[in-house]
Amino acid sequence: QVQLVESGGGLVQAGGSLRLSCAASGSFTSTSAMGWYRQAPGKQRELVARVTSGGRTQDADSGKGRFTITRDNARNTVFLQMNSLKPEDTAVYYCNAGVISRIFEYDYWGQGTQVTVSS
């Protein structure tokens, strides 16, 4: 059984910062791409940023210059540093990871962490 455990969400004023963490735990070989998505009320889930095991990143335009995704491969953990937060960043943020077990790769999602940015 594999779990993605997220932490770091909360309430912050506009212009503030938050750091999200997501750790993959359980029985598996390694992780491939890991990333963050978000879903605001009434909207579809959208990519925020993702990073491959080799460190190549993909960032949505909404967070460029403000959000930075990094990962610790040894701990199968991905981080999202969010600076200069805006009220429109308010959403539930979900961690996503490709988890490799033997020769198969499985897609996992975290339970989500609420980020609320007040104006």
Protein backbone atom coordinates (compact mmCIF):
# COMPACT_ATOMS: atom_id res chain seq x y z
CA GLN A 1 0.00 0.00 0.00
CA VAL A 2 1.36 3.41 -1.00
CA GLN A 3 0.37 6.68 0.60
CA LEU A 4 1.11 10.28 -0.27
CA VAL A 5 1.12 12.37 2.88
CA GLU A 6 0.80 16.11 2.36
CA SER A 7 1.46 18.92 4.78
CA GLY A 8 1.99 22.66 4.84
CA GLY A 9 -1.32 24.12 3.76
CA GLY A 10 -3.11 26.81 5.71
CA LEU A 11 -4.35 30.37 5.80
CA VAL A 12 -2.06 33.18 4.76
CA GLN A 13 -2.45 36.81 3.80
CA ALA A 14 -1.87 37.98 0.27
CA GLY A 15 1.84 38.41 -0.36
CA GLY A 16 2.73 35.71 2.11
CA SER A 17 4.41 32.34 1.63
CA LEU A 18 3.68 28.70 2.25
CA ARG A 19 5.69 25.54 1.71
CA LEU A 20 3.88 22.34 0.85
CA SER A 21 5.44 18.93 1.35
CA CYS A 22 4.39 15.52 0.09
CA ALA A 23 6.08 12.28 1.07
CA ALA A 24 5.44 8.93 -0.56
CA SER A 25 5.49 6.03 1.85
CA GLY A 26 4.86 2.32 1.62
CA SER A 27 6.28 -0.54 -0.36
CA PHE A 28 7.63 0.44 -3.76
CA THR A 29 10.84 0.71 -5.74
CA SER A 30 11.02 4.39 -6.55
CA THR A 31 9.03 7.37 -7.74
CA SER A 32 9.01 8.89 -11.19
CA ALA A 33 7.44 12.30 -11.76
CA MET A 34 5.96 14.03 -8.74
CA GLY A 35 3.91 17.17 -8.78
CA TRP A 36 1.22 19.42 -7.44
CA TYR A 37 -2.22 20.16 -8.81
CA ARG A 38 -4.90 22.41 -7.41
CA GLN A 39 -8.65 22.69 -7.60
CA ALA A 40 -10.58 25.79 -6.69
CA PRO A 41 -14.33 25.67 -6.01
CA GLY A 42 -16.27 25.32 -9.24
CA LYS A 43 -13.15 24.83 -11.32
CA GLN A 44 -11.32 21.88 -12.81
CA ARG A 45 -8.20 20.48 -11.27
CA GLU A 46 -5.13 22.06 -12.87
CA LEU A 47 -1.41 21.49 -12.88
CA VAL A 48 0.66 23.76 -10.67
CA ALA A 49 4.08 22.20 -11.18
CA ARG A 50 5.73 18.83 -11.58
CA VAL A 51 9.27 17.52 -11.48
CA THR A 52 10.78 14.35 -12.91
CA SER A 53 13.14 12.09 -10.99
CA GLY A 54 15.92 13.68 -13.00
CA GLY A 55 14.97 17.17 -11.86
CA ARG A 56 13.29 18.48 -15.00
CA THR A 57 10.41 20.75 -14.05
CA GLN A 58 7.18 21.79 -15.69
CA ASP A 59 5.52 24.90 -14.27
CA ALA A 60 2.11 26.38 -14.97
CA ASP A 61 2.07 30.01 -16.04
CA SER A 62 0.01 30.92 -12.99
CA GLY A 63 2.90 30.21 -10.65
CA LYS A 64 5.93 31.14 -12.69
CA GLY A 65 8.24 33.44 -10.80
CA ARG A 66 6.40 32.77 -7.54
CA PHE A 67 6.30 28.97 -7.06
CA THR A 68 9.28 26.61 -6.98
CA ILE A 69 9.02 22.84 -7.03
CA THR A 70 11.85 20.68 -5.72
CA ARG A 71 12.23 17.07 -4.66
CA ASP A 72 14.33 14.85 -2.46
CA ASN A 73 14.67 11.54 -4.28
CA ALA A 74 16.21 9.79 -1.28
CA ARG A 75 13.10 10.56 0.76
CA ASN A 76 10.60 10.35 -2.13
CA THR A 77 9.38 13.77 -1.15
CA VAL A 78 8.32 16.73 -3.25
CA PHE A 79 8.09 20.32 -2.07
CA LEU A 80 6.29 23.37 -3.39
CA GLN A 81 7.54 26.72 -2.17
CA MET A 82 4.87 29.33 -2.82
CA ASN A 83 5.78 33.01 -2.49
CA SER A 84 3.86 36.20 -3.19
CA LEU A 85 0.60 34.35 -2.78
CA LYS A 86 -2.56 35.85 -4.24
CA PRO A 87 -6.22 35.30 -3.33
CA GLU A 88 -6.66 33.49 -6.65
CA ASP A 89 -4.20 30.86 -5.44
CA THR A 90 -6.85 29.71 -2.97
CA ALA A 91 -7.61 26.06 -3.68
CA VAL A 92 -7.16 22.52 -2.48
CA TYR A 93 -3.67 21.44 -3.49
CA TYR A 94 -3.16 17.79 -4.38
CA CYS A 95 0.09 15.89 -4.58
CA ASN A 96 0.51 13.46 -7.46
CA ALA A 97 3.21 10.86 -7.94
CA GLY A 98 4.15 8.09 -10.28
CA VAL A 99 5.17 5.16 -8.09
CA ILE A 100 7.23 2.34 -9.53
CA SER A 101 6.83 -1.15 -8.13
CA ARG A 102 8.88 -3.82 -9.87
CA ILE A 103 8.28 -3.10 -13.58
CA PHE A 104 4.96 -1.34 -13.21
CA GLU A 105 4.18 2.32 -12.63
CA TYR A 106 1.11 3.45 -10.73
CA ASP A 107 -0.43 6.88 -10.35
CA TYR A 108 -1.23 8.06 -6.84
CA TRP A 109 -2.91 11.13 -5.39
CA GLY A 110 -2.73 12.66 -1.96
CA GLN A 111 -5.80 13.59 0.05
CA GLY A 112 -5.36 17.30 -0.62
CA THR A 113 -4.39 20.23 1.56
CA GLN A 114 -6.30 23.49 1.71
CA VAL A 115 -4.51 26.72 0.87
CA THR A 116 -6.46 29.89 1.58
CA VAL A 117 -5.07 33.31 0.73
CA SER A 118 -6.89 36.26 2.22
CA SER A 119 -6.88 39.71 0.62
